[in-house]
Structures are given as C-alpha cells and as structure tokens.
Amino acid sequence: MHEMSLCEGVLQVLQTEAEKQGFHRVKTVILEIGDLSSVEPEAMRFSFDVVMKNSLAENANLTIENIPGTAWCMQCSKNVLIKQRYDECPDCGGYQLQVVSGDEMRIKELEVE
C-alpha cells in the first residue's frame, strides 16, 4: 500500500510549511488526486488518519477532489477522457494517446491555525 508513504510525504510537507509559515495545527487538507495516479482514495483516507496521529494534523479533515484522466489523441487531434492508462480513444479507437492530466496528486489547499 503506497498510500501510506504518500501520506508520510504529505506530513513532511505540512511540517515544513508549518515551520515556514508559523502555524501549529492543520484543520483541513484538500488533495487533488487524478484518476490515472494509481492512488486508491479509500486507502488514502485510512492511511491519512494513521500517519497524522500525534502530529500537527491529528484529527484533520481530509477532502479528496478527483481529477479526471484526459489524453491527447494523435489520430483525432483532440483531448479525450480516459479511465485508465492504455485505454483506447473513445472517439476513434486508436491507441496513440498522450496523457495530459489525471496522473497527478497534489495538496490543493490547507486550513490551518
């Protein structure tokens, strides 16, 4: 379960930003997670609660915003929605797709004290 290590990375970012910006408690974390990122949202929620225990983000609310997977189809010359990597183009059936978005995971917003 790589979500645990992802949450540990989020905690490191929170600790670094707390030192820089002078906050002492995180109340809410909003993450953007793409459909193509191979991150399982439910595993992320579970891991978040475990990793944030006894930290500045203990009991913080985690909100996950989904980013749909999109790719540029070289045959159609347009952006198309895809559910997973190596899907065929939903319009032409071609496989020459270049991922444009949906493979990222980032901290979008924090609510802190």
C-alpha atoms as a PDB file:
ATOM      1  CA  MET A   1       0.000   0.000   0.000  1.00  0.00           C
ATOM      2  CA  HIS A   2       1.931   3.010  -1.279  1.00  0.00           C
ATOM      3  CA  GLU A   3      -0.738   5.386   0.046  1.00  0.00           C
ATOM      4  CA  MET A   4       0.932   5.172   3.461  1.00  0.00           C
ATOM      5  CA  SER A   5       4.210   6.548   2.083  1.00  0.00           C
ATOM      6  CA  LEU A   6       2.279   9.215   0.146  1.00  0.00           C
ATOM      7  CA  CYS A   7       0.673  10.337   3.403  1.00  0.00           C
ATOM      8  CA  GLU A   8       4.077  10.431   5.064  1.00  0.00           C
ATOM      9  CA  GLY A   9       5.177  12.747   2.260  1.00  0.00           C
ATOM     10  CA  VAL A  10       2.126  14.949   2.847  1.00  0.00           C
ATOM     11  CA  LEU A  11       3.007  15.117   6.549  1.00  0.00           C
ATOM     12  CA  GLN A  12       6.567  16.194   5.705  1.00  0.00           C
ATOM     13  CA  VAL A  13       5.197  18.994   3.518  1.00  0.00           C
ATOM     14  CA  LEU A  14       2.860  20.081   6.323  1.00  0.00           C
ATOM     15  CA  GLN A  15       5.694  20.134   8.862  1.00  0.00           C
ATOM     16  CA  THR A  16       7.957  22.117   6.531  1.00  0.00           C
ATOM     17  CA  GLU A  17       5.230  24.651   5.774  1.00  0.00           C
ATOM     18  CA  ALA A  18       4.335  24.950   9.469  1.00  0.00           C
ATOM     19  CA  GLU A  19       7.938  25.965  10.196  1.00  0.00           C
ATOM     20  CA  LYS A  20       7.996  28.449   7.300  1.00  0.00           C
ATOM     21  CA  GLN A  21       4.573  29.974   7.867  1.00  0.00           C
ATOM     22  CA  GLY A  22       4.261  29.671  11.632  1.00  0.00           C
ATOM     23  CA  PHE A  23       1.086  27.649  12.026  1.00  0.00           C
ATOM     24  CA  HIS A  24       0.758  24.964  14.682  1.00  0.00           C
ATOM     25  CA  ARG A  25      -2.332  22.984  13.696  1.00  0.00           C
ATOM     26  CA  VAL A  26      -3.824  21.722  10.437  1.00  0.00           C
ATOM     27  CA  LYS A  27      -7.615  21.533  10.418  1.00  0.00           C
ATOM     28  CA  THR A  28      -8.289  20.580   6.793  1.00  0.00           C
ATOM     29  CA  VAL A  29      -6.232  19.142   3.941  1.00  0.00           C
ATOM     30  CA  ILE A  30      -7.639  19.186   0.414  1.00  0.00           C
ATOM     31  CA  LEU A  31      -5.864  16.864  -2.003  1.00  0.00           C
ATOM     32  CA  GLU A  32      -6.320  16.662  -5.757  1.00  0.00           C
ATOM     33  CA  ILE A  33      -5.873  13.086  -6.947  1.00  0.00           C
ATOM     34  CA  GLY A  34      -6.063  12.058 -10.586  1.00  0.00           C
ATOM     35  CA  ASP A  35      -7.874   9.001 -11.899  1.00  0.00           C
ATOM     36  CA  LEU A  36      -4.631   7.830 -13.523  1.00  0.00           C
ATOM     37  CA  SER A  37      -2.410   8.325 -10.452  1.00  0.00           C
ATOM     38  CA  SER A  38      -2.806   4.759  -9.112  1.00  0.00           C
ATOM     39  CA  VAL A  39      -3.845   6.193  -5.744  1.00  0.00           C
ATOM     40  CA  GLU A  40      -6.811   4.497  -4.124  1.00  0.00           C
ATOM     41  CA  PRO A  41      -8.874   7.210  -2.353  1.00  0.00           C
ATOM     42  CA  GLU A  42     -10.192   4.928   0.405  1.00  0.00           C
ATOM     43  CA  ALA A  43      -6.700   3.618   1.180  1.00  0.00           C
ATOM     44  CA  MET A  44      -5.511   7.237   1.211  1.00  0.00           C
ATOM     45  CA  ARG A  45      -8.192   8.191   3.760  1.00  0.00           C
ATOM     46  CA  PHE A  46      -7.263   5.264   6.014  1.00  0.00           C
ATOM     47  CA  SER A  47      -3.531   5.963   5.715  1.00  0.00           C
ATOM     48  CA  PHE A  48      -4.047   9.680   6.356  1.00  0.00           C
ATOM     49  CA  ASP A  49      -5.686   9.023   9.725  1.00  0.00           C
ATOM     50  CA  VAL A  50      -2.924   6.609  10.751  1.00  0.00           C
ATOM     51  CA  VAL A  51       0.011   8.770   9.630  1.00  0.00           C
ATOM     52  CA  MET A  52      -1.359  12.047  11.047  1.00  0.00           C
ATOM     53  CA  LYS A  53      -1.784  10.557  14.535  1.00  0.00           C
ATOM     54  CA  ASN A  54       0.221  12.535  17.149  1.00  0.00           C
ATOM     55  CA  SER A  55       1.152  15.242  14.623  1.00  0.00           C
ATOM     56  CA  LEU A  56       0.089  18.800  13.860  1.00  0.00           C
ATOM     57  CA  ALA A  57      -2.577  17.316  11.561  1.00  0.00           C
ATOM     58  CA  GLU A  58      -4.116  14.862  14.011  1.00  0.00           C
ATOM     59  CA  ASN A  59      -7.912  14.845  13.544  1.00  0.00           C
ATOM     60  CA  ALA A  60      -7.598  16.980  10.412  1.00  0.00           C
ATOM     61  CA  ASN A  61     -10.357  16.634   7.851  1.00  0.00           C
ATOM     62  CA  LEU A  62      -9.199  15.146   4.542  1.00  0.00           C
ATOM     63  CA  THR A  63     -11.051  16.102   1.372  1.00  0.00           C
ATOM     64  CA  ILE A  64     -10.121  14.388  -1.885  1.00  0.00           C
ATOM     65  CA  GLU A  65     -11.015  16.060  -5.163  1.00  0.00           C
ATOM     66  CA  ASN A  66     -10.981  13.843  -8.223  1.00  0.00           C
ATOM     67  CA  ILE A  67      -9.194  14.910 -11.409  1.00  0.00           C
ATOM     68  CA  PRO A  68     -10.428  13.040 -14.491  1.00  0.00           C
ATOM     69  CA  GLY A  69      -7.917  11.411 -16.789  1.00  0.00           C
ATOM     70  CA  THR A  70      -7.501  13.187 -20.103  1.00  0.00           C
ATOM     71  CA  ALA A  71      -5.239  12.405 -23.014  1.00  0.00           C
ATOM     72  CA  TRP A  72      -4.359  13.915 -26.383  1.00  0.00           C
ATOM     73  CA  CYS A  73      -5.291  11.569 -29.212  1.00  0.00           C
ATOM     74  CA  MET A  74      -2.778  11.872 -32.030  1.00  0.00           C
ATOM     75  CA  GLN A  75      -5.222  10.398 -34.560  1.00  0.00           C
ATOM     76  CA  CYS A  76      -8.223  12.590 -33.625  1.00  0.00           C
ATOM     77  CA  SER A  77      -6.106  15.640 -32.740  1.00  0.00           C
ATOM     78  CA  LYS A  78      -8.164  16.365 -29.633  1.00  0.00           C
ATOM     79  CA  ASN A  79      -8.328  15.808 -25.880  1.00  0.00           C
ATOM     80  CA  VAL A  80     -10.407  12.837 -24.744  1.00  0.00           C
ATOM     81  CA  LEU A  81     -11.435  11.429 -21.353  1.00  0.00           C
ATOM     82  CA  ILE A  82      -9.877   8.097 -20.365  1.00  0.00           C
ATOM     83  CA  LYS A  83     -10.472   5.914 -17.311  1.00  0.00           C
ATOM     84  CA  GLN A  84      -7.050   4.244 -17.196  1.00  0.00           C
ATOM     85  CA  ARG A  85      -3.708   4.296 -18.950  1.00  0.00           C
ATOM     86  CA  TYR A  86      -3.537   2.387 -22.222  1.00  0.00           C
ATOM     87  CA  ASP A  87      -7.263   2.786 -22.865  1.00  0.00           C
ATOM     88  CA  GLU A  88      -8.251   3.239 -26.470  1.00  0.00           C
ATOM     89  CA  CYS A  89      -9.537   6.579 -27.692  1.00  0.00           C
ATOM     90  CA  PRO A  90     -13.284   6.680 -27.029  1.00  0.00           C
ATOM     91  CA  ASP A  91     -13.829   8.523 -30.334  1.00  0.00           C
ATOM     92  CA  CYS A  92     -11.650   6.753 -32.917  1.00  0.00           C
ATOM     93  CA  GLY A  93     -10.465   3.590 -31.139  1.00  0.00           C
ATOM     94  CA  GLY A  94      -6.797   4.481 -31.613  1.00  0.00           C
ATOM     95  CA  TYR A  95      -4.084   3.850 -29.050  1.00  0.00           C
ATOM     96  CA  GLN A  96      -1.778   6.793 -29.758  1.00  0.00           C
ATOM     97  CA  LEU A  97      -2.718   8.718 -26.636  1.00  0.00           C
ATOM     98  CA  GLN A  98      -0.542  11.054 -24.594  1.00  0.00           C
ATOM     99  CA  VAL A  99      -1.736  11.698 -21.015  1.00  0.00           C
ATOM    100  CA  VAL A 100      -2.488  15.381 -20.412  1.00  0.00           C
ATOM    101  CA  SER A 101      -3.931  15.289 -16.888  1.00  0.00           C
ATOM    102  CA  GLY A 102      -5.196  12.930 -14.240  1.00  0.00           C
ATOM    103  CA  ASP A 103      -1.876  11.370 -13.218  1.00  0.00           C
ATOM    104  CA  GLU A 104      -1.093  13.950 -10.525  1.00  0.00           C
ATOM    105  CA  MET A 105      -1.565  14.166  -6.782  1.00  0.00           C
ATOM    106  CA  ARG A 106      -1.080  17.483  -5.023  1.00  0.00           C
ATOM    107  CA  ILE A 107      -2.041  19.421  -1.946  1.00  0.00           C
ATOM    108  CA  LYS A 108      -4.552  21.967  -3.213  1.00  0.00           C
ATOM    109  CA  GLU A 109      -5.472  23.758  -0.025  1.00  0.00           C
ATOM    110  CA  LEU A 110      -4.927  23.784   3.747  1.00  0.00           C
ATOM    111  CA  GLU A 111      -6.931  25.219   6.596  1.00  0.00           C
ATOM    112  CA  VAL A 112      -4.576  25.936   9.493  1.00  0.00           C
ATOM    113  CA  GLU A 113      -4.369  27.670  12.872  1.00  0.00           C
END
